[in-house]
Amino acid sequence: AAYNSFQYRKANSWHLIPSSSTVTVHPLDGEIYAQI
């Protein structure tokens, strides 16, 4: 998503953005929900 941000386009950037690790879940975690 960050590669399509307005600031990234406005700056005419083409560099790779360091991304955080992918958020993952495991069956032993049980039911995991996020909310907005």
PDB file of all heavy atoms in Angstrom:
ATOM      1  N   ALA A   1       0.807  -1.214   0.000  1.00  0.00           N
ATOM      2  CA  ALA A   1       0.000   0.000   0.000  1.00  0.00           C
ATOM      3  C   ALA A   1       0.843   1.269   0.000  1.00  0.00           C
ATOM      4  O   ALA A   1       0.490   2.259  -0.648  1.00  0.00           O
ATOM      5  CB  ALA A   1      -0.940   0.000   1.210  1.00  0.00           C
ATOM      6  N   ALA A   2       1.971   1.255   0.714  1.00  0.00           N
ATOM      7  CA  ALA A   2       2.781   2.472   0.844  1.00  0.00           C
ATOM      8  C   ALA A   2       3.339   2.941  -0.491  1.00  0.00           C
ATOM      9  O   ALA A   2       3.625   4.135  -0.664  1.00  0.00           O
ATOM     10  CB  ALA A   2       3.922   2.237   1.834  1.00  0.00           C
ATOM     11  N   TYR A   3       3.495   2.032  -1.454  1.00  0.00           N
ATOM     12  CA  TYR A   3       4.024   2.423  -2.759  1.00  0.00           C
ATOM     13  C   TYR A   3       2.997   3.212  -3.573  1.00  0.00           C
ATOM     14  O   TYR A   3       3.354   3.803  -4.591  1.00  0.00           O
ATOM     15  CB  TYR A   3       4.460   1.184  -3.546  1.00  0.00           C
ATOM     16  CG  TYR A   3       5.645   0.486  -2.922  1.00  0.00           C
ATOM     17  CD1 TYR A   3       5.471  -0.656  -2.153  1.00  0.00           C
ATOM     18  CD2 TYR A   3       6.935   0.973  -3.093  1.00  0.00           C
ATOM     19  CE1 TYR A   3       6.551  -1.292  -1.570  1.00  0.00           C
ATOM     20  CE2 TYR A   3       8.028   0.336  -2.513  1.00  0.00           C
ATOM     21  CZ  TYR A   3       7.826  -0.793  -1.747  1.00  0.00           C
ATOM     22  OH  TYR A   3       8.901  -1.424  -1.173  1.00  0.00           O
ATOM     23  N   ASN A   4       1.748   3.204  -3.127  1.00  0.00           N
ATOM     24  CA  ASN A   4       0.712   3.979  -3.808  1.00  0.00           C
ATOM     25  C   ASN A   4       0.245   5.163  -2.965  1.00  0.00           C
ATOM     26  O   ASN A   4      -0.832   5.709  -3.223  1.00  0.00           O
ATOM     27  CB  ASN A   4      -0.492   3.084  -4.147  1.00  0.00           C
ATOM     28  CG  ASN A   4      -0.211   2.163  -5.316  1.00  0.00           C
ATOM     29  OD1 ASN A   4       0.520   2.523  -6.227  1.00  0.00           O
ATOM     30  ND2 ASN A   4      -0.795   0.974  -5.292  1.00  0.00           N
ATOM     31  N   SER A   5       1.029   5.538  -1.978  1.00  0.00           N
ATOM     32  CA  SER A   5       0.654   6.698  -1.175  1.00  0.00           C
ATOM     33  C   SER A   5       0.916   7.979  -1.965  1.00  0.00           C
ATOM     34  O   SER A   5       1.757   8.013  -2.872  1.00  0.00           O
ATOM     35  CB  SER A   5       1.437   6.724   0.131  1.00  0.00           C
ATOM     36  OG  SER A   5       2.815   6.951  -0.121  1.00  0.00           O
ATOM     37  N   PHE A   6       0.199   9.034  -1.592  1.00  0.00           N
ATOM     38  CA  PHE A   6       0.352  10.307  -2.298  1.00  0.00           C
ATOM     39  C   PHE A   6       1.761  10.869  -2.101  1.00  0.00           C
ATOM     40  O   PHE A   6       2.370  11.399  -3.037  1.00  0.00           O
ATOM     41  CB  PHE A   6      -0.696  11.308  -1.813  1.00  0.00           C
ATOM     42  CG  PHE A   6      -0.562  12.659  -2.443  1.00  0.00           C
ATOM     43  CD1 PHE A   6      -1.028  12.895  -3.728  1.00  0.00           C
ATOM     44  CD2 PHE A   6       0.046  13.707  -1.757  1.00  0.00           C
ATOM     45  CE1 PHE A   6      -0.901  14.138  -4.321  1.00  0.00           C
ATOM     46  CE2 PHE A   6       0.178  14.959  -2.336  1.00  0.00           C
ATOM     47  CZ  PHE A   6      -0.292  15.173  -3.618  1.00  0.00           C
ATOM     48  N   GLN A   7       2.300  10.762  -0.873  1.00  0.00           N
ATOM     49  CA  GLN A   7       3.635  11.295  -0.604  1.00  0.00           C
ATOM     50  C   GLN A   7       4.699  10.565  -1.415  1.00  0.00           C
ATOM     51  O   GLN A   7       5.645  11.194  -1.914  1.00  0.00           O
ATOM     52  CB  GLN A   7       3.954  11.184   0.890  1.00  0.00           C
ATOM     53  CG  GLN A   7       3.083  12.038   1.786  1.00  0.00           C
ATOM     54  CD  GLN A   7       1.837  11.316   2.255  1.00  0.00           C
ATOM     55  OE1 GLN A   7       1.419  10.331   1.641  1.00  0.00           O
ATOM     56  NE2 GLN A   7       1.248  11.793   3.339  1.00  0.00           N
ATOM     57  N   TYR A   8       4.559   9.261  -1.546  1.00  0.00           N
ATOM     58  CA  TYR A   8       5.537   8.477  -2.308  1.00  0.00           C
ATOM     59  C   TYR A   8       5.517   8.881  -3.779  1.00  0.00           C
ATOM     60  O   TYR A   8       6.565   9.036  -4.414  1.00  0.00           O
ATOM     61  CB  TYR A   8       5.226   6.995  -2.144  1.00  0.00           C
ATOM     62  CG  TYR A   8       6.288   6.067  -2.708  1.00  0.00           C
ATOM     63  CD1 TYR A   8       7.403   5.727  -1.959  1.00  0.00           C
ATOM     64  CD2 TYR A   8       6.157   5.536  -3.987  1.00  0.00           C
ATOM     65  CE1 TYR A   8       8.377   4.875  -2.464  1.00  0.00           C
ATOM     66  CE2 TYR A   8       7.119   4.689  -4.508  1.00  0.00           C
ATOM     67  CZ  TYR A   8       8.221   4.364  -3.737  1.00  0.00           C
ATOM     68  OH  TYR A   8       9.191   3.530  -4.251  1.00  0.00           O
ATOM     69  N   ARG A   9       4.332   9.059  -4.325  1.00  0.00           N
ATOM     70  CA  ARG A   9       4.220   9.468  -5.729  1.00  0.00           C
ATOM     71  C   ARG A   9       4.688  10.915  -5.915  1.00  0.00           C
ATOM     72  O   ARG A   9       5.382  11.230  -6.875  1.00  0.00           O
ATOM     73  CB  ARG A   9       2.775   9.333  -6.207  1.00  0.00           C
ATOM     74  CG  ARG A   9       2.254   7.913  -6.283  1.00  0.00           C
ATOM     75  CD  ARG A   9       0.844   7.921  -6.859  1.00  0.00           C
ATOM     76  NE  ARG A   9       0.260   6.581  -6.914  1.00  0.00           N
ATOM     77  CZ  ARG A   9      -0.953   6.311  -7.386  1.00  0.00           C
ATOM     78  NH1 ARG A   9      -1.705   7.300  -7.843  1.00  0.00           N
ATOM     79  NH2 ARG A   9      -1.409   5.085  -7.399  1.00  0.00           N
ATOM     80  N   LYS A  10       4.303  11.799  -4.990  1.00  0.00           N
ATOM     81  CA  LYS A  10       4.645  13.216  -5.114  1.00  0.00           C
ATOM     82  C   LYS A  10       6.160  13.415  -5.116  1.00  0.00           C
ATOM     83  O   LYS A  10       6.687  14.272  -5.838  1.00  0.00           O
ATOM     84  CB  LYS A  10       4.015  13.991  -3.963  1.00  0.00           C
ATOM     85  CG  LYS A  10       4.246  15.499  -3.997  1.00  0.00           C
ATOM     86  CD  LYS A  10       3.512  16.151  -5.150  1.00  0.00           C
ATOM     87  CE  LYS A  10       3.640  17.655  -5.089  1.00  0.00           C
ATOM     88  NZ  LYS A  10       2.984  18.317  -6.256  1.00  0.00           N
ATOM     89  N   ALA A  11       6.863  12.607  -4.323  1.00  0.00           N
ATOM     90  CA  ALA A  11       8.321  12.714  -4.253  1.00  0.00           C
ATOM     91  C   ALA A  11       9.010  12.028  -5.419  1.00  0.00           C
ATOM     92  O   ALA A  11      10.245  12.036  -5.486  1.00  0.00           O
ATOM     93  CB  ALA A  11       8.820  12.125  -2.939  1.00  0.00           C
ATOM     94  N   ASN A  12       8.214  11.413  -6.315  1.00  0.00           N
ATOM     95  CA  ASN A  12       8.762  10.664  -7.448  1.00  0.00           C
ATOM     96  C   ASN A  12       9.763   9.610  -6.971  1.00  0.00           C
ATOM     97  O   ASN A  12      10.854   9.446  -7.522  1.00  0.00           O
ATOM     98  CB  ASN A  12       9.423  11.601  -8.462  1.00  0.00           C
ATOM     99  CG  ASN A  12       9.717  10.914  -9.780  1.00  0.00           C
ATOM    100  OD1 ASN A  12       9.025   9.974 -10.184  1.00  0.00           O
ATOM    101  ND2 ASN A  12      10.769  11.345 -10.452  1.00  0.00           N
ATOM    102  N   SER A  13       9.388   8.911  -5.917  1.00  0.00           N
ATOM    103  CA  SER A  13      10.262   7.890  -5.324  1.00  0.00           C
ATOM    104  C   SER A  13      10.092   6.567  -6.043  1.00  0.00           C
ATOM    105  O   SER A  13       8.999   6.214  -6.503  1.00  0.00           O
ATOM    106  CB  SER A  13       9.939   7.719  -3.834  1.00  0.00           C
ATOM    107  OG  SER A  13      10.172   8.913  -3.128  1.00  0.00           O
ATOM    108  N   TRP A  14      11.191   5.822  -6.098  1.00  0.00           N
ATOM    109  CA  TRP A  14      11.175   4.482  -6.677  1.00  0.00           C
ATOM    110  C   TRP A  14      11.948   3.503  -5.807  1.00  0.00           C
ATOM    111  O   TRP A  14      12.180   2.365  -6.192  1.00  0.00           O
ATOM    112  CB  TRP A  14      11.762   4.497  -8.096  1.00  0.00           C
ATOM    113  CG  TRP A  14      10.958   5.334  -9.037  1.00  0.00           C
ATOM    114  CD1 TRP A  14      11.171   6.635  -9.377  1.00  0.00           C
ATOM    115  CD2 TRP A  14       9.768   4.933  -9.737  1.00  0.00           C
ATOM    116  NE1 TRP A  14      10.201   7.081 -10.242  1.00  0.00           N
ATOM    117  CE2 TRP A  14       9.329   6.051 -10.495  1.00  0.00           C
ATOM    118  CE3 TRP A  14       9.043   3.742  -9.804  1.00  0.00           C
ATOM    119  CZ2 TRP A  14       8.196   6.009 -11.289  1.00  0.00           C
ATOM    120  CZ3 TRP A  14       7.918   3.705 -10.608  1.00  0.00           C
ATOM    121  CH2 TRP A  14       7.499   4.823 -11.341  1.00  0.00           C
ATOM    122  N   HIS A  15      12.358   3.930  -4.639  1.00  0.00           N
ATOM    123  CA  HIS A  15      13.141   3.075  -3.750  1.00  0.00           C
ATOM    124  C   HIS A  15      12.226   2.075  -3.041  1.00  0.00           C
ATOM    125  O   HIS A  15      11.008   2.301  -2.916  1.00  0.00           O
ATOM    126  CB  HIS A  15      13.891   3.921  -2.721  1.00  0.00           C
ATOM    127  CG  HIS A  15      12.977   4.629  -1.756  1.00  0.00           C
ATOM    128  ND1 HIS A  15      12.371   5.844  -2.049  1.00  0.00           N
ATOM    129  CD2 HIS A  15      12.541   4.292  -0.516  1.00  0.00           C
ATOM    130  CE1 HIS A  15      11.620   6.219  -1.033  1.00  0.00           C
ATOM    131  NE2 HIS A  15      11.700   5.299  -0.084  1.00  0.00           N
ATOM    132  N   LEU A  16      12.817   0.991  -2.572  1.00  0.00           N
ATOM    133  CA  LEU A  16      12.062  -0.010  -1.824  1.00  0.00           C
ATOM    134  C   LEU A  16      11.893   0.456  -0.392  1.00  0.00           C
ATOM    135  O   LEU A  16      12.841   0.942   0.237  1.00  0.00           O
ATOM    136  CB  LEU A  16      12.772  -1.361  -1.868  1.00  0.00           C
ATOM    137  CG  LEU A  16      12.943  -1.996  -3.252  1.00  0.00           C
ATOM    138  CD1 LEU A  16      13.644  -3.347  -3.137  1.00  0.00           C
ATOM    139  CD2 LEU A  16      11.598  -2.171  -3.944  1.00  0.00           C
ATOM    140  N   ILE A  17      10.691   0.309   0.119  1.00  0.00           N
ATOM    141  CA  ILE A  17      10.376   0.752   1.470  1.00  0.00           C
ATOM    142  C   ILE A  17      10.580  -0.415   2.432  1.00  0.00           C
ATOM    143  O   ILE A  17       9.983  -1.481   2.231  1.00  0.00           O
ATOM    144  CB  ILE A  17       8.926   1.255   1.553  1.00  0.00           C
ATOM    145  CG1 ILE A  17       8.717   2.408   0.577  1.00  0.00           C
ATOM    146  CG2 ILE A  17       8.582   1.671   2.966  1.00  0.00           C
ATOM    147  CD1 ILE A  17       7.278   2.870   0.491  1.00  0.00           C
ATOM    148  N   PRO A  18      11.396  -0.253   3.465  1.00  0.00           N
ATOM    149  CA  PRO A  18      11.547  -1.340   4.450  1.00  0.00           C
ATOM    150  C   PRO A  18      10.199  -1.622   5.102  1.00  0.00           C
ATOM    151  O   PRO A  18       9.547  -0.727   5.633  1.00  0.00           O
ATOM    152  CB  PRO A  18      12.553  -0.769   5.461  1.00  0.00           C
ATOM    153  CG  PRO A  18      13.256   0.328   4.731  1.00  0.00           C
ATOM    154  CD  PRO A  18      12.244   0.907   3.773  1.00  0.00           C
ATOM    155  N   SER A  19       9.780  -2.861   5.020  1.00  0.00           N
ATOM    156  CA  SER A  19       8.472  -3.222   5.560  1.00  0.00           C
ATOM    157  C   SER A  19       8.638  -4.035   6.829  1.00  0.00           C
ATOM    158  O   SER A  19       9.635  -4.746   7.013  1.00  0.00           O
ATOM    159  CB  SER A  19       7.667  -4.027   4.530  1.00  0.00           C
ATOM    160  OG  SER A  19       8.362  -5.206   4.168  1.00  0.00           O
ATOM    161  N   SER A  20       7.680  -3.910   7.694  1.00  0.00           N
ATOM    162  CA  SER A  20       7.684  -4.701   8.913  1.00  0.00           C
ATOM    163  C   SER A  20       7.356  -6.148   8.585  1.00  0.00           C
ATOM    164  O   SER A  20       6.896  -6.473   7.493  1.00  0.00           O
ATOM    165  CB  SER A  20       6.668  -4.133   9.905  1.00  0.00           C
ATOM    166  OG  SER A  20       5.368  -4.125   9.320  1.00  0.00           O
ATOM    167  N   SER A  21       7.615  -7.022   9.529  1.00  0.00           N
ATOM    168  CA  SER A  21       7.343  -8.439   9.316  1.00  0.00           C
ATOM    169  C   SER A  21       5.854  -8.674   9.147  1.00  0.00           C
ATOM    170  O   SER A  21       5.014  -7.956   9.709  1.00  0.00           O
ATOM    171  CB  SER A  21       7.869  -9.264  10.496  1.00  0.00           C
ATOM    172  OG  SER A  21       7.262  -8.843  11.700  1.00  0.00           O
ATOM    173  N   THR A  22       5.525  -9.660   8.351  1.00  0.00           N
ATOM    174  CA  THR A  22       4.123  -9.972   8.090  1.00  0.00           C
ATOM    175  C   THR A  22       3.444 -10.453   9.366  1.00  0.00           C
ATOM    176  O   THR A  22       3.974 -11.287  10.102  1.00  0.00           O
ATOM    177  CB  THR A  22       4.016 -11.059   7.012  1.00  0.00           C
ATOM    178  OG1 THR A  22       4.688 -10.621   5.835  1.00  0.00           O
ATOM    179  CG2 THR A  22       2.570 -11.357   6.689  1.00  0.00           C
ATOM    180  N   VAL A  23       2.265  -9.924   9.634  1.00  0.00           N
ATOM    181  CA  VAL A  23       1.499 -10.335  10.806  1.00  0.00           C
ATOM    182  C   VAL A  23       0.874 -11.693  10.531  1.00  0.00           C
ATOM    183  O   VAL A  23       0.149 -11.866   9.547  1.00  0.00           O
ATOM    184  CB  VAL A  23       0.418  -9.292  11.143  1.00  0.00           C
ATOM    185  CG1 VAL A  23      -0.405  -9.751  12.337  1.00  0.00           C
ATOM    186  CG2 VAL A  23       1.055  -7.938  11.408  1.00  0.00           C
ATOM    187  N   THR A  24       1.178 -12.650  11.377  1.00  0.00           N
ATOM    188  CA  THR A  24       0.687 -14.010  11.186  1.00  0.00           C
ATOM    189  C   THR A  24      -0.015 -14.500  12.450  1.00  0.00           C
ATOM    190  O   THR A  24       0.174 -13.950  13.542  1.00  0.00           O
ATOM    191  CB  THR A  24       1.833 -14.977  10.834  1.00  0.00           C
ATOM    192  OG1 THR A  24       2.808 -14.975  11.895  1.00  0.00           O
ATOM    193  CG2 THR A  24       2.504 -14.559   9.533  1.00  0.00           C
ATOM    194  N   VAL A  25      -0.798 -15.543  12.269  1.00  0.00           N
ATOM    195  CA  VAL A  25      -1.490 -16.180  13.391  1.00  0.00           C
ATOM    196  C   VAL A  25      -1.283 -17.681  13.293  1.00  0.00           C
ATOM    197  O   VAL A  25      -0.913 -18.213  12.241  1.00  0.00           O
ATOM    198  CB  VAL A  25      -2.996 -15.845  13.384  1.00  0.00           C
ATOM    199  CG1 VAL A  25      -3.221 -14.388  13.714  1.00  0.00           C
ATOM    200  CG2 VAL A  25      -3.622 -16.188  12.041  1.00  0.00           C
ATOM    201  N   HIS A  26      -1.515 -18.370  14.417  1.00  0.00           N
ATOM    202  CA  HIS A  26      -1.305 -19.811  14.504  1.00  0.00           C
ATOM    203  C   HIS A  26      -2.544 -20.451  15.116  1.00  0.00           C
ATOM    204  O   HIS A  26      -3.242 -19.818  15.931  1.00  0.00           O
ATOM    205  CB  HIS A  26      -0.068 -20.100  15.369  1.00  0.00           C
ATOM    206  CG  HIS A  26       0.369 -21.528  15.332  1.00  0.00           C
ATOM    207  ND1 HIS A  26      -0.124 -22.481  16.205  1.00  0.00           N
ATOM    208  CD2 HIS A  26       1.248 -22.169  14.515  1.00  0.00           C
ATOM    209  CE1 HIS A  26       0.437 -23.652  15.935  1.00  0.00           C
ATOM    210  NE2 HIS A  26       1.271 -23.490  14.919  1.00  0.00           N
ATOM    211  N   PRO A  27      -2.859 -21.694  14.739  1.00  0.00           N
ATOM    212  CA  PRO A  27      -4.050 -22.340  15.299  1.00  0.00           C
ATOM    213  C   PRO A  27      -4.082 -22.366  16.821  1.00  0.00           C
ATOM    214  O   PRO A  27      -5.165 -22.326  17.427  1.00  0.00           O
ATOM    215  CB  PRO A  27      -3.975 -23.763  14.717  1.00  0.00           C
ATOM    216  CG  PRO A  27      -3.233 -23.606  13.438  1.00  0.00           C
ATOM    217  CD  PRO A  27      -2.243 -22.530  13.680  1.00  0.00           C
ATOM    218  N   LEU A  28      -2.900 -22.437  17.450  1.00  0.00           N
ATOM    219  CA  LEU A  28      -2.881 -22.443  18.911  1.00  0.00           C
ATOM    220  C   LEU A  28      -3.242 -21.090  19.508  1.00  0.00           C
ATOM    221  O   LEU A  28      -3.487 -20.987  20.712  1.00  0.00           O
ATOM    222  CB  LEU A  28      -1.494 -22.876  19.400  1.00  0.00           C
ATOM    223  CG  LEU A  28      -1.078 -24.315  19.043  1.00  0.00           C
ATOM    224  CD1 LEU A  28       0.314 -24.620  19.581  1.00  0.00           C
ATOM    225  CD2 LEU A  28      -2.090 -25.330  19.571  1.00  0.00           C
ATOM    226  N   ASP A  29      -3.246 -20.041  18.657  1.00  0.00           N
ATOM    227  CA  ASP A  29      -3.658 -18.718  19.146  1.00  0.00           C
ATOM    228  C   ASP A  29      -5.159 -18.618  19.352  1.00  0.00           C
ATOM    229  O   ASP A  29      -5.631 -17.687  20.020  1.00  0.00           O
ATOM    230  CB  ASP A  29      -3.221 -17.629  18.147  1.00  0.00           C
ATOM    231  CG  ASP A  29      -1.715 -17.534  18.010  1.00  0.00           C
ATOM    232  OD1 ASP A  29      -1.024 -17.899  18.983  1.00  0.00           O
ATOM    233  OD2 ASP A  29      -1.243 -17.111  16.950  1.00  0.00           O
ATOM    234  N   GLY A  30      -5.908 -19.547  18.773  1.00  0.00           N
ATOM    235  CA  GLY A  30      -7.356 -19.483  18.869  1.00  0.00           C
ATOM    236  C   GLY A  30      -7.922 -18.464  17.900  1.00  0.00           C
ATOM    237  O   GLY A  30      -7.292 -18.090  16.904  1.00  0.00           O
ATOM    238  N   GLU A  31      -9.112 -17.988  18.152  1.00  0.00           N
ATOM    239  CA  GLU A  31      -9.757 -17.017  17.281  1.00  0.00           C
ATOM    240  C   GLU A  31      -9.154 -15.639  17.532  1.00  0.00           C
ATOM    241  O   GLU A  31      -9.217 -15.106  18.635  1.00  0.00           O
ATOM    242  CB  GLU A  31     -11.263 -16.998  17.524  1.00  0.00           C
ATOM    243  CG  GLU A  31     -11.967 -18.298  17.131  1.00  0.00           C
ATOM    244  CD  GLU A  31     -13.471 -18.202  17.267  1.00  0.00           C
ATOM    245  OE1 GLU A  31     -13.944 -17.119  17.652  1.00  0.00           O
ATOM    246  OE2 GLU A  31     -14.164 -19.195  16.976  1.00  0.00           O
ATOM    247  N   ILE A  32      -8.551 -15.073  16.485  1.00  0.00           N
ATOM    248  CA  ILE A  32      -7.921 -13.757  16.566  1.00  0.00           C
ATOM    249  C   ILE A  32      -8.675 -12.784  15.663  1.00  0.00           C
ATOM    250  O   ILE A  32      -8.889 -13.065  14.489  1.00  0.00           O
ATOM    251  CB  ILE A  32      -6.440 -13.823  16.161  1.00  0.00           C
ATOM    252  CG1 ILE A  32      -5.661 -14.745  17.092  1.00  0.00           C
ATOM    253  CG2 ILE A  32      -5.823 -12.432  16.156  1.00  0.00           C
ATOM    254  CD1 ILE A  32      -5.558 -14.249  18.517  1.00  0.00           C
ATOM    255  N   TYR A  33      -9.055 -11.664  16.235  1.00  0.00           N
ATOM    256  CA  TYR A  33      -9.768 -10.649  15.474  1.00  0.00           C
ATOM    257  C   TYR A  33      -9.061  -9.299  15.603  1.00  0.00           C
ATOM    258  O   TYR A  33      -8.401  -9.029  16.614  1.00  0.00           O
ATOM    259  CB  TYR A  33     -11.222 -10.502  15.963  1.00  0.00           C
ATOM    260  CG  TYR A  33     -12.107 -11.671  15.615  1.00  0.00           C
ATOM    261  CD1 TYR A  33     -12.236 -12.750  16.486  1.00  0.00           C
ATOM    262  CD2 TYR A  33     -12.815 -11.695  14.419  1.00  0.00           C
ATOM    263  CE1 TYR A  33     -13.050 -13.829  16.169  1.00  0.00           C
ATOM    264  CE2 TYR A  33     -13.640 -12.766  14.098  1.00  0.00           C
ATOM    265  CZ  TYR A  33     -13.750 -13.835  14.976  1.00  0.00           C
ATOM    266  OH  TYR A  33     -14.557 -14.895  14.652  1.00  0.00           O
ATOM    267  N   ALA A  34      -9.190  -8.507  14.579  1.00  0.00           N
ATOM    268  CA  ALA A  34      -8.779  -7.097  14.624  1.00  0.00           C
ATOM    269  C   ALA A  34     -10.012  -6.261  14.342  1.00  0.00           C
ATOM    270  O   ALA A  34     -10.975  -6.739  13.730  1.00  0.00           O
ATOM    271  CB  ALA A  34      -7.691  -6.819  13.599  1.00  0.00           C
ATOM    272  N   GLN A  35      -9.993  -5.009  14.780  1.00  0.00           N
ATOM    273  CA  GLN A  35     -11.166  -4.179  14.547  1.00  0.00           C
ATOM    274  C   GLN A  35     -10.764  -2.722  14.361  1.00  0.00           C
ATOM    275  O   GLN A  35      -9.747  -2.264  14.868  1.00  0.00           O
ATOM    276  CB  GLN A  35     -12.172  -4.310  15.685  1.00  0.00           C
ATOM    277  CG  GLN A  35     -11.665  -3.933  17.054  1.00  0.00           C
ATOM    278  CD  GLN A  35     -12.732  -4.135  18.127  1.00  0.00           C
ATOM    279  OE1 GLN A  35     -13.909  -4.362  17.812  1.00  0.00           O
ATOM    280  NE2 GLN A  35     -12.343  -4.047  19.375  1.00  0.00           N
ATOM    281  N   ILE A  36     -11.593  -2.042  13.569  1.00  0.00           N
ATOM    282  CA  ILE A  36     -11.459  -0.609  13.344  1.00  0.00           C
ATOM    283  C   ILE A  36     -12.679   0.039  13.985  1.00  0.00           C
ATOM    284  O   ILE A  36     -13.821  -0.271  13.631  1.00  0.00           O
ATOM    285  CB  ILE A  36     -11.405  -0.274  11.844  1.00  0.00           C
ATOM    286  CG1 ILE A  36     -10.312  -1.094  11.146  1.00  0.00           C
ATOM    287  CG2 ILE A  36     -11.140   1.207  11.633  1.00  0.00           C
ATOM    288  CD1 ILE A  36     -10.268  -0.882   9.648  1.00  0.00           C
TER     289      ILE A  36
END
